[in-house]
Amino acid sequence: MNRNLTSARRGQNDARAERFKTSFIAGRLAARDQAALGWDASPIAIGRMTAEVWNAIKNEDWALVSPTGFLSRFPQRLWDFTKPSQWNGESGGYGVGYGMPGAVGAALAHKGSGRVVVNIVGDGEFLVAPGSLWTLAHHKIPMLTIMHNNRAWHQEVMHVERMATRRDRDPSTAHIGTTIEAPFVDYAKLAQGYGVWAEGPLTNPAQLGPALARAIKVVKSGLPALLDVVTQPR
């Protein structure tokens, strides 16, 4: 406590802190309500996926090593970030393909810390550098990768739809060249081919809790793991 503060200033600080606390609680409750929308839906809502991950790691020493923009910032809105080590931020340059190799580098930095390292990566972002899985397996870097598998480069889908509408063109063509289908990618099999323990594709949200428990057990043993979660777009 700064003993040079006047009683009036202390009162102002206390009132300000109370306003922040009230605002935080209101925001957290609103985020929980939003995450509950489509709770039992399939494909799995990202609010449900993010909440299930939090439930699985909240009693662990954990670190999130991936950007959250494509997750509607649900981690920041639902999780309790109390340590600098719990998130290493965004890419900075908004570069395509940063997610997976960036997460691997961060996980390597956390190796030996005992933390449960979590990487939630988009499928399109991942496909820029899938060989990152081999690096995880080869160097035995413990990291849990959650594949946010919305089966599209959805940022591009939304942009093309937006521009088509603005220019009075047919937005239904926005999925040409921007969706990842026919065939769908089986990321669990892909990960297993690189030597990484994996499960999926998970399409039923009730599968998430048990699958996360199994995957975290693998990560705690010192090895990487991947869960392929078929998700809603954003």
Protein backbone atom coordinates (compact mmCIF):
# COMPACT_ATOMS: atom_id res chain seq x y z
CA MET A 1 0.00 0.00 0.00
CA ASN A 2 1.23 3.50 -0.84
CA ARG A 3 1.09 5.35 2.48
CA ASN A 4 1.38 8.70 0.68
CA LEU A 5 -2.11 8.35 -0.78
CA THR A 6 -4.74 10.52 0.76
CA SER A 7 -7.89 8.94 2.15
CA ALA A 8 -9.84 10.61 -0.65
CA ARG A 9 -7.57 9.06 -3.31
CA ARG A 10 -7.85 5.66 -1.66
CA GLY A 11 -11.60 5.99 -1.77
CA GLN A 12 -11.49 6.86 -5.47
CA ASN A 13 -9.24 3.85 -6.18
CA ASP A 14 -11.56 1.53 -4.25
CA ALA A 15 -14.57 2.80 -6.15
CA ARG A 16 -12.73 2.37 -9.45
CA ALA A 17 -11.73 -1.19 -8.53
CA GLU A 18 -15.34 -1.99 -7.68
CA ARG A 19 -16.48 -0.70 -11.08
CA PHE A 20 -13.88 -2.90 -12.80
CA LYS A 21 -14.98 -5.89 -10.75
CA THR A 22 -18.64 -5.34 -11.59
CA SER A 23 -17.84 -4.93 -15.29
CA PHE A 24 -15.69 -8.07 -15.31
CA ILE A 25 -18.38 -10.20 -13.67
CA ALA A 26 -21.02 -8.92 -16.10
CA GLY A 27 -18.76 -9.70 -19.06
CA ARG A 28 -17.96 -13.20 -17.75
CA LEU A 29 -21.65 -14.00 -17.24
CA ALA A 30 -22.50 -12.71 -20.73
CA ALA A 31 -19.71 -14.86 -22.22
CA ARG A 32 -21.01 -17.93 -20.42
CA ASP A 33 -24.50 -17.28 -21.78
CA GLN A 34 -23.10 -16.91 -25.29
CA ALA A 35 -20.99 -20.07 -24.94
CA ALA A 36 -24.12 -21.98 -23.92
CA LEU A 37 -25.81 -21.24 -27.25
CA GLY A 38 -25.86 -24.42 -29.33
CA TRP A 39 -24.36 -26.34 -26.38
CA ASP A 40 -25.50 -29.71 -27.70
CA ALA A 41 -25.16 -28.88 -31.39
CA SER A 42 -23.20 -30.80 -33.99
CA PRO A 43 -20.90 -29.59 -35.51
CA ILE A 44 -19.64 -28.55 -32.09
CA ALA A 45 -19.99 -24.90 -31.09
CA ILE A 46 -16.66 -23.22 -30.34
CA GLY A 47 -18.10 -21.86 -27.09
CA ARG A 48 -18.74 -25.44 -25.95
CA MET A 49 -15.32 -26.60 -27.14
CA THR A 50 -13.52 -23.76 -25.36
CA ALA A 51 -15.51 -24.27 -22.17
CA GLU A 52 -14.75 -28.00 -22.17
CA VAL A 53 -11.03 -27.32 -22.59
CA TRP A 54 -11.13 -24.91 -19.67
CA ASN A 55 -12.93 -27.44 -17.51
CA ALA A 56 -10.20 -29.97 -18.31
CA ILE A 57 -7.22 -27.70 -17.50
CA LYS A 58 -8.46 -25.21 -14.88
CA ASN A 59 -6.96 -27.16 -11.99
CA GLU A 60 -3.64 -27.64 -13.81
CA ASP A 61 -0.65 -25.39 -14.32
CA TRP A 62 -1.43 -24.58 -17.96
CA ALA A 63 -0.38 -22.44 -20.90
CA LEU A 64 -2.27 -21.50 -24.05
CA VAL A 65 0.20 -21.15 -26.94
CA SER A 66 -2.11 -20.23 -29.83
CA PRO A 67 -3.94 -17.12 -31.07
CA THR A 68 -7.60 -16.73 -30.12
CA GLY A 69 -9.03 -14.46 -32.80
CA PHE A 70 -10.58 -17.35 -34.73
CA LEU A 71 -12.19 -18.52 -31.47
CA SER A 72 -14.15 -15.30 -30.93
CA ARG A 73 -11.75 -14.67 -28.01
CA PHE A 74 -13.62 -17.24 -25.93
CA PRO A 75 -10.50 -18.24 -23.93
CA GLN A 76 -10.02 -14.68 -22.67
CA ARG A 77 -13.73 -14.40 -21.97
CA LEU A 78 -14.16 -17.72 -20.16
CA TRP A 79 -10.78 -18.69 -18.66
CA ASP A 80 -8.92 -17.19 -15.69
CA PHE A 81 -5.61 -15.78 -16.91
CA THR A 82 -3.54 -15.01 -13.81
CA LYS A 83 0.08 -15.59 -14.91
CA PRO A 84 2.22 -14.16 -17.74
CA SER A 85 3.14 -17.71 -18.78
CA GLN A 86 -0.46 -18.60 -19.60
CA TRP A 87 -0.59 -16.95 -23.03
CA ASN A 88 2.09 -15.88 -25.49
CA GLY A 89 -0.16 -13.69 -27.65
CA GLU A 90 -0.86 -13.42 -31.36
CA SER A 91 1.49 -13.65 -34.34
CA GLY A 92 2.07 -9.91 -34.50
CA GLY A 93 2.23 -9.78 -38.29
CA TYR A 94 -1.01 -11.66 -38.99
CA GLY A 95 0.97 -14.07 -41.13
CA VAL A 96 -0.73 -17.11 -42.65
CA GLY A 97 0.40 -20.42 -41.17
CA TYR A 98 1.90 -19.03 -37.97
CA GLY A 99 -0.40 -21.00 -35.66
CA MET A 100 1.08 -24.49 -35.65
CA PRO A 101 4.84 -23.79 -35.81
CA GLY A 102 4.41 -20.86 -33.42
CA ALA A 103 2.70 -23.16 -30.93
CA VAL A 104 5.42 -25.80 -31.31
CA GLY A 105 8.10 -23.23 -30.53
CA ALA A 106 6.21 -22.03 -27.46
CA ALA A 107 5.62 -25.61 -26.31
CA LEU A 108 9.34 -26.28 -26.61
CA ALA A 109 9.98 -23.28 -24.36
CA HIS A 110 7.54 -24.70 -21.80
CA LYS A 111 9.03 -28.20 -21.98
CA GLY A 112 10.10 -29.41 -18.57
CA SER A 113 7.93 -26.87 -16.74
CA GLY A 114 5.23 -29.39 -15.88
CA ARG A 115 2.59 -27.22 -17.51
CA VAL A 116 -0.20 -28.60 -19.64
CA VAL A 117 0.40 -26.77 -22.94
CA VAL A 118 -2.67 -26.24 -25.13
CA ASN A 119 -2.78 -25.27 -28.79
CA ILE A 120 -6.16 -24.61 -30.44
CA VAL A 121 -5.48 -24.29 -34.17
CA GLY A 122 -7.69 -23.83 -37.20
CA ASP A 123 -7.62 -26.56 -39.83
CA GLY A 124 -6.71 -24.22 -42.68
CA GLU A 125 -3.97 -22.61 -40.60
CA PHE A 126 -2.64 -26.05 -39.65
CA LEU A 127 -2.48 -27.27 -43.25
CA VAL A 128 0.15 -24.64 -44.05
CA ALA A 129 2.69 -26.51 -41.92
CA PRO A 130 1.40 -30.00 -40.97
CA GLY A 131 4.97 -31.26 -40.66
CA SER A 132 5.05 -29.48 -37.31
CA LEU A 133 3.51 -32.67 -35.94
CA TRP A 134 6.65 -34.59 -36.83
CA THR A 135 8.71 -32.06 -34.88
CA LEU A 136 6.49 -32.63 -31.84
CA ALA A 137 6.79 -36.42 -32.10
CA HIS A 138 10.50 -36.51 -32.90
CA HIS A 139 11.54 -34.21 -30.07
CA LYS A 140 8.88 -35.50 -27.65
CA ILE A 141 7.40 -32.06 -27.03
CA PRO A 142 4.31 -32.41 -24.82
CA MET A 143 1.51 -30.30 -26.26
CA LEU A 144 -2.22 -30.83 -26.64
CA THR A 145 -3.42 -29.68 -30.06
CA ILE A 146 -7.15 -29.11 -30.47
CA MET A 147 -8.05 -29.02 -34.16
CA HIS A 148 -10.71 -26.34 -34.67
CA ASN A 149 -11.93 -28.25 -37.70
CA ASN A 150 -14.59 -26.12 -39.39
CA ARG A 151 -13.63 -27.67 -42.73
CA ALA A 152 -12.86 -24.34 -44.39
CA TRP A 153 -10.53 -21.39 -44.60
CA HIS A 154 -13.43 -19.61 -42.95
CA GLN A 155 -11.83 -16.18 -42.77
CA GLU A 156 -11.75 -16.26 -46.55
CA VAL A 157 -15.32 -17.63 -46.78
CA MET A 158 -16.62 -14.70 -44.76
CA HIS A 159 -14.57 -12.17 -46.73
CA VAL A 160 -15.76 -13.46 -50.11
CA GLU A 161 -19.37 -13.51 -48.90
CA ARG A 162 -19.03 -9.96 -47.61
CA MET A 163 -17.46 -8.64 -50.82
CA ALA A 164 -19.95 -10.48 -53.04
CA THR A 165 -22.85 -8.92 -51.15
CA ARG A 166 -21.25 -5.49 -51.32
CA ARG A 167 -20.77 -5.80 -55.09
CA ASP A 168 -24.21 -7.33 -55.74
CA ARG A 169 -22.85 -10.72 -56.76
CA ASP A 170 -24.01 -14.21 -55.82
CA PRO A 171 -22.55 -14.98 -52.35
CA SER A 172 -23.30 -18.70 -52.73
CA THR A 173 -20.08 -19.08 -54.75
CA ALA A 174 -18.00 -18.01 -51.73
CA HIS A 175 -17.30 -21.64 -50.87
CA ILE A 176 -15.44 -22.33 -54.12
CA GLY A 177 -11.78 -22.75 -53.25
CA THR A 178 -12.31 -21.83 -49.60
CA THR A 179 -13.80 -25.02 -48.13
CA ILE A 180 -11.86 -28.15 -47.20
CA GLU A 181 -14.16 -30.93 -48.34
CA ALA A 182 -14.60 -33.71 -50.89
CA PRO A 183 -12.74 -35.25 -49.16
CA PHE A 184 -12.69 -34.03 -45.58
CA VAL A 185 -9.25 -34.27 -43.98
CA ASP A 186 -8.94 -36.84 -41.19
CA TYR A 187 -6.57 -34.98 -38.88
CA ALA A 188 -6.40 -37.79 -36.33
CA LYS A 189 -5.08 -40.21 -38.95
CA LEU A 190 -2.73 -37.53 -40.23
CA ALA A 191 -1.35 -36.97 -36.73
CA GLN A 192 -0.97 -40.71 -36.14
CA GLY A 193 0.97 -40.94 -39.38
CA TYR A 194 3.44 -38.42 -37.94
CA GLY A 195 3.70 -40.43 -34.73
CA VAL A 196 1.39 -38.30 -32.57
CA TRP A 197 -1.33 -39.81 -30.36
CA ALA A 198 -4.70 -38.66 -31.70
CA GLU A 199 -8.46 -39.14 -31.57
CA GLY A 200 -11.27 -37.96 -33.82
CA PRO A 201 -12.99 -36.68 -35.69
CA LEU A 202 -15.20 -35.78 -32.72
CA THR A 203 -18.68 -34.65 -33.79
CA ASN A 204 -20.71 -35.18 -30.60
CA PRO A 205 -20.00 -32.56 -27.90
CA ALA A 206 -20.54 -35.21 -25.22
CA GLN A 207 -17.33 -36.84 -26.49
CA LEU A 208 -15.20 -33.82 -25.61
CA GLY A 209 -14.78 -34.25 -21.85
CA PRO A 210 -13.64 -37.90 -21.90
CA ALA A 211 -11.43 -37.33 -24.96
CA LEU A 212 -9.74 -34.34 -23.33
CA ALA A 213 -9.03 -36.39 -20.21
CA ARG A 214 -7.35 -39.10 -22.29
CA ALA A 215 -5.35 -36.57 -24.31
CA ILE A 216 -4.15 -34.67 -21.25
CA LYS A 217 -2.98 -37.94 -19.72
CA VAL A 218 -0.79 -38.45 -22.81
CA VAL A 219 0.58 -34.89 -22.59
CA LYS A 220 1.40 -35.34 -18.90
CA SER A 221 3.40 -38.42 -19.85
CA GLY A 222 5.66 -36.14 -21.90
CA LEU A 223 4.26 -36.72 -25.39
CA PRO A 224 2.16 -34.69 -27.85
CA ALA A 225 -1.52 -35.39 -28.46
CA LEU A 226 -4.16 -34.16 -30.91
CA LEU A 227 -7.96 -34.09 -30.85
CA ASP A 228 -9.76 -33.48 -34.14
CA VAL A 229 -12.95 -31.57 -33.22
CA VAL A 230 -15.49 -30.92 -36.00
CA THR A 231 -16.68 -27.41 -35.22
CA GLN A 232 -19.02 -24.67 -36.27
CA PRO A 233 -17.39 -21.95 -38.37
CA ARG A 234 -16.58 -19.29 -35.79
